[in-house]
């Protein structure tokens, strides 16, 4: 068997919500819902739960009239962390959906337009 025959096709790889030595980790999805796939699902759910907690904490600080500048800066960091986690989970799940190229192009156009 050649090297290319033994490796799964890219569409059969799932990027995991953690890295190994700073590089993305992948799981071959050919064998269904493995223990590792369930672990990744659990980690993604944990990331979203933590993002919700961070968001709630940041909103609480923002609503506090006597919040100091340092507390407000920390609230912004909580929000940034929450957004980063939510975006990462959205990307991971989007990769598994196999979004068509036209949809990706539209999303990229919107991202560029909205972040100007």
C-alpha atoms as a PDB file:
ATOM      1  CA  UNK A   1       0.000   0.000   0.000  1.00  0.00           C
ATOM      2  CA  UNK A   2       1.386   3.403  -0.904  1.00  0.00           C
ATOM      3  CA  UNK A   3       1.636   6.278   1.571  1.00  0.00           C
ATOM      4  CA  UNK A   4      -1.275   8.120  -0.067  1.00  0.00           C
ATOM      5  CA  UNK A   5      -3.503   5.043   0.129  1.00  0.00           C
ATOM      6  CA  UNK A   6      -2.962   4.684   3.879  1.00  0.00           C
ATOM      7  CA  UNK A   7      -3.823   8.295   4.717  1.00  0.00           C
ATOM      8  CA  UNK A   8      -7.495   9.314   4.978  1.00  0.00           C
ATOM      9  CA  UNK A   9      -8.860  11.838   2.505  1.00  0.00           C
ATOM     10  CA  UNK A  10      -8.997  15.433   3.801  1.00  0.00           C
ATOM     11  CA  UNK A  11     -12.799  15.284   3.983  1.00  0.00           C
ATOM     12  CA  UNK A  12     -12.442  12.403   6.439  1.00  0.00           C
ATOM     13  CA  UNK A  13     -10.294  14.422   8.844  1.00  0.00           C
ATOM     14  CA  UNK A  14     -11.702  16.368  11.755  1.00  0.00           C
ATOM     15  CA  UNK A  15      -9.621  19.181  13.226  1.00  0.00           C
ATOM     16  CA  UNK A  16      -9.641  18.843  16.972  1.00  0.00           C
ATOM     17  CA  UNK A  17     -10.056  21.705  19.476  1.00  0.00           C
ATOM     18  CA  UNK A  18      -6.495  21.270  20.742  1.00  0.00           C
ATOM     19  CA  UNK A  19      -3.052  21.246  19.224  1.00  0.00           C
ATOM     20  CA  UNK A  20       0.066  19.156  19.530  1.00  0.00           C
ATOM     21  CA  UNK A  21       3.359  21.036  19.664  1.00  0.00           C
ATOM     22  CA  UNK A  22       1.607  24.128  18.303  1.00  0.00           C
ATOM     23  CA  UNK A  23       0.227  22.257  15.286  1.00  0.00           C
ATOM     24  CA  UNK A  24      -3.399  21.399  14.621  1.00  0.00           C
ATOM     25  CA  UNK A  25      -4.420  17.909  15.664  1.00  0.00           C
ATOM     26  CA  UNK A  26      -6.694  15.829  13.445  1.00  0.00           C
ATOM     27  CA  UNK A  27      -8.823  12.744  13.840  1.00  0.00           C
ATOM     28  CA  UNK A  28      -9.770  10.337  11.088  1.00  0.00           C
ATOM     29  CA  UNK A  29     -13.559  10.264  11.133  1.00  0.00           C
ATOM     30  CA  UNK A  30     -13.979   7.096   9.106  1.00  0.00           C
ATOM     31  CA  UNK A  31     -14.876   4.928  12.082  1.00  0.00           C
ATOM     32  CA  UNK A  32     -17.865   6.872  13.467  1.00  0.00           C
ATOM     33  CA  UNK A  33     -18.225   8.347  16.935  1.00  0.00           C
ATOM     34  CA  UNK A  34     -15.022   7.282  18.636  1.00  0.00           C
ATOM     35  CA  UNK A  35     -13.991   8.082  22.189  1.00  0.00           C
ATOM     36  CA  UNK A  36     -11.690  10.819  20.851  1.00  0.00           C
ATOM     37  CA  UNK A  37     -14.514  12.361  18.781  1.00  0.00           C
ATOM     38  CA  UNK A  38     -16.775  12.415  21.858  1.00  0.00           C
ATOM     39  CA  UNK A  39     -13.953  13.970  23.861  1.00  0.00           C
ATOM     40  CA  UNK A  40     -13.568  16.692  21.210  1.00  0.00           C
ATOM     41  CA  UNK A  41     -17.341  17.314  21.250  1.00  0.00           C
ATOM     42  CA  UNK A  42     -17.221  17.645  25.038  1.00  0.00           C
ATOM     43  CA  UNK A  43     -14.294  20.052  24.826  1.00  0.00           C
ATOM     44  CA  UNK A  44     -16.135  22.212  22.244  1.00  0.00           C
ATOM     45  CA  UNK A  45     -19.188  22.322  24.528  1.00  0.00           C
ATOM     46  CA  UNK A  46     -16.908  23.288  27.416  1.00  0.00           C
ATOM     47  CA  UNK A  47     -15.422  26.091  25.342  1.00  0.00           C
ATOM     48  CA  UNK A  48     -18.912  27.446  24.639  1.00  0.00           C
ATOM     49  CA  UNK A  49     -19.941  27.144  28.287  1.00  0.00           C
ATOM     50  CA  UNK A  50     -16.807  28.996  29.383  1.00  0.00           C
ATOM     51  CA  UNK A  51     -17.507  31.661  26.739  1.00  0.00           C
ATOM     52  CA  UNK A  52     -21.004  32.147  28.197  1.00  0.00           C
ATOM     53  CA  UNK A  53     -19.587  32.452  31.724  1.00  0.00           C
ATOM     54  CA  UNK A  54     -16.963  34.954  30.535  1.00  0.00           C
ATOM     55  CA  UNK A  55     -19.630  36.962  28.719  1.00  0.00           C
ATOM     56  CA  UNK A  56     -21.875  37.036  31.805  1.00  0.00           C
ATOM     57  CA  UNK A  57     -18.969  38.088  34.010  1.00  0.00           C
ATOM     58  CA  UNK A  58     -17.956  40.855  31.603  1.00  0.00           C
ATOM     59  CA  UNK A  59     -21.519  42.158  31.340  1.00  0.00           C
ATOM     60  CA  UNK A  60     -21.795  42.175  35.119  1.00  0.00           C
ATOM     61  CA  UNK A  61     -18.661  44.298  35.429  1.00  0.00           C
ATOM     62  CA  UNK A  62     -19.835  46.608  32.637  1.00  0.00           C
ATOM     63  CA  UNK A  63     -23.130  47.142  34.466  1.00  0.00           C
ATOM     64  CA  UNK A  64     -21.336  48.037  37.721  1.00  0.00           C
ATOM     65  CA  UNK A  65     -21.331  51.839  37.987  1.00  0.00           C
ATOM     66  CA  UNK A  66     -18.341  51.854  40.320  1.00  0.00           C
ATOM     67  CA  UNK A  67     -16.236  49.493  38.163  1.00  0.00           C
ATOM     68  CA  UNK A  68     -12.641  50.643  37.935  1.00  0.00           C
ATOM     69  CA  UNK A  69     -10.660  51.011  34.742  1.00  0.00           C
ATOM     70  CA  UNK A  70      -8.747  47.820  35.599  1.00  0.00           C
ATOM     71  CA  UNK A  71     -12.003  45.915  36.109  1.00  0.00           C
ATOM     72  CA  UNK A  72     -13.360  47.165  32.786  1.00  0.00           C
ATOM     73  CA  UNK A  73     -10.140  46.144  31.040  1.00  0.00           C
ATOM     74  CA  UNK A  74     -10.502  42.685  32.559  1.00  0.00           C
ATOM     75  CA  UNK A  75     -14.106  42.562  31.326  1.00  0.00           C
ATOM     76  CA  UNK A  76     -12.887  43.299  27.807  1.00  0.00           C
ATOM     77  CA  UNK A  77     -10.403  40.438  28.145  1.00  0.00           C
ATOM     78  CA  UNK A  78     -13.201  38.100  29.261  1.00  0.00           C
ATOM     79  CA  UNK A  79     -15.231  39.151  26.234  1.00  0.00           C
ATOM     80  CA  UNK A  80     -12.268  38.703  23.885  1.00  0.00           C
ATOM     81  CA  UNK A  81     -11.677  35.223  25.283  1.00  0.00           C
ATOM     82  CA  UNK A  82     -15.372  34.367  24.915  1.00  0.00           C
ATOM     83  CA  UNK A  83     -15.445  35.551  21.313  1.00  0.00           C
ATOM     84  CA  UNK A  84     -12.216  33.703  20.457  1.00  0.00           C
ATOM     85  CA  UNK A  85     -13.580  30.438  21.851  1.00  0.00           C
ATOM     86  CA  UNK A  86     -16.949  30.828  20.118  1.00  0.00           C
ATOM     87  CA  UNK A  87     -15.250  31.632  16.804  1.00  0.00           C
ATOM     88  CA  UNK A  88     -12.971  28.599  17.117  1.00  0.00           C
ATOM     89  CA  UNK A  89     -15.899  26.272  17.808  1.00  0.00           C
ATOM     90  CA  UNK A  90     -17.805  27.794  14.877  1.00  0.00           C
ATOM     91  CA  UNK A  91     -14.819  27.213  12.595  1.00  0.00           C
ATOM     92  CA  UNK A  92     -14.354  23.636  13.796  1.00  0.00           C
ATOM     93  CA  UNK A  93     -18.012  22.843  13.259  1.00  0.00           C
ATOM     94  CA  UNK A  94     -18.084  24.669   9.927  1.00  0.00           C
ATOM     95  CA  UNK A  95     -15.187  22.543   8.705  1.00  0.00           C
ATOM     96  CA  UNK A  96     -17.233  19.444   9.502  1.00  0.00           C
ATOM     97  CA  UNK A  97     -20.202  20.791   7.543  1.00  0.00           C
ATOM     98  CA  UNK A  98     -18.136  20.934   4.372  1.00  0.00           C
ATOM     99  CA  UNK A  99     -19.320  24.392   3.334  1.00  0.00           C
ATOM    100  CA  UNK A 100     -19.280  24.837  -0.428  1.00  0.00           C
ATOM    101  CA  UNK A 101     -16.678  27.169  -2.016  1.00  0.00           C
ATOM    102  CA  UNK A 102     -19.244  29.820  -3.007  1.00  0.00           C
ATOM    103  CA  UNK A 103     -20.464  30.111   0.593  1.00  0.00           C
ATOM    104  CA  UNK A 104     -16.869  30.428   1.801  1.00  0.00           C
ATOM    105  CA  UNK A 105     -16.233  33.171  -0.754  1.00  0.00           C
ATOM    106  CA  UNK A 106     -19.353  35.044   0.382  1.00  0.00           C
ATOM    107  CA  UNK A 107     -18.362  34.691   4.035  1.00  0.00           C
ATOM    108  CA  UNK A 108     -14.872  36.009   3.296  1.00  0.00           C
ATOM    109  CA  UNK A 109     -16.326  38.978   1.382  1.00  0.00           C
ATOM    110  CA  UNK A 110     -18.633  39.797   4.313  1.00  0.00           C
ATOM    111  CA  UNK A 111     -15.791  39.458   6.809  1.00  0.00           C
ATOM    112  CA  UNK A 112     -13.598  41.859   4.811  1.00  0.00           C
ATOM    113  CA  UNK A 113     -16.464  44.312   4.303  1.00  0.00           C
ATOM    114  CA  UNK A 114     -17.585  44.315   7.941  1.00  0.00           C
ATOM    115  CA  UNK A 115     -14.123  44.641   9.447  1.00  0.00           C
ATOM    116  CA  UNK A 116     -13.052  47.724   7.510  1.00  0.00           C
END
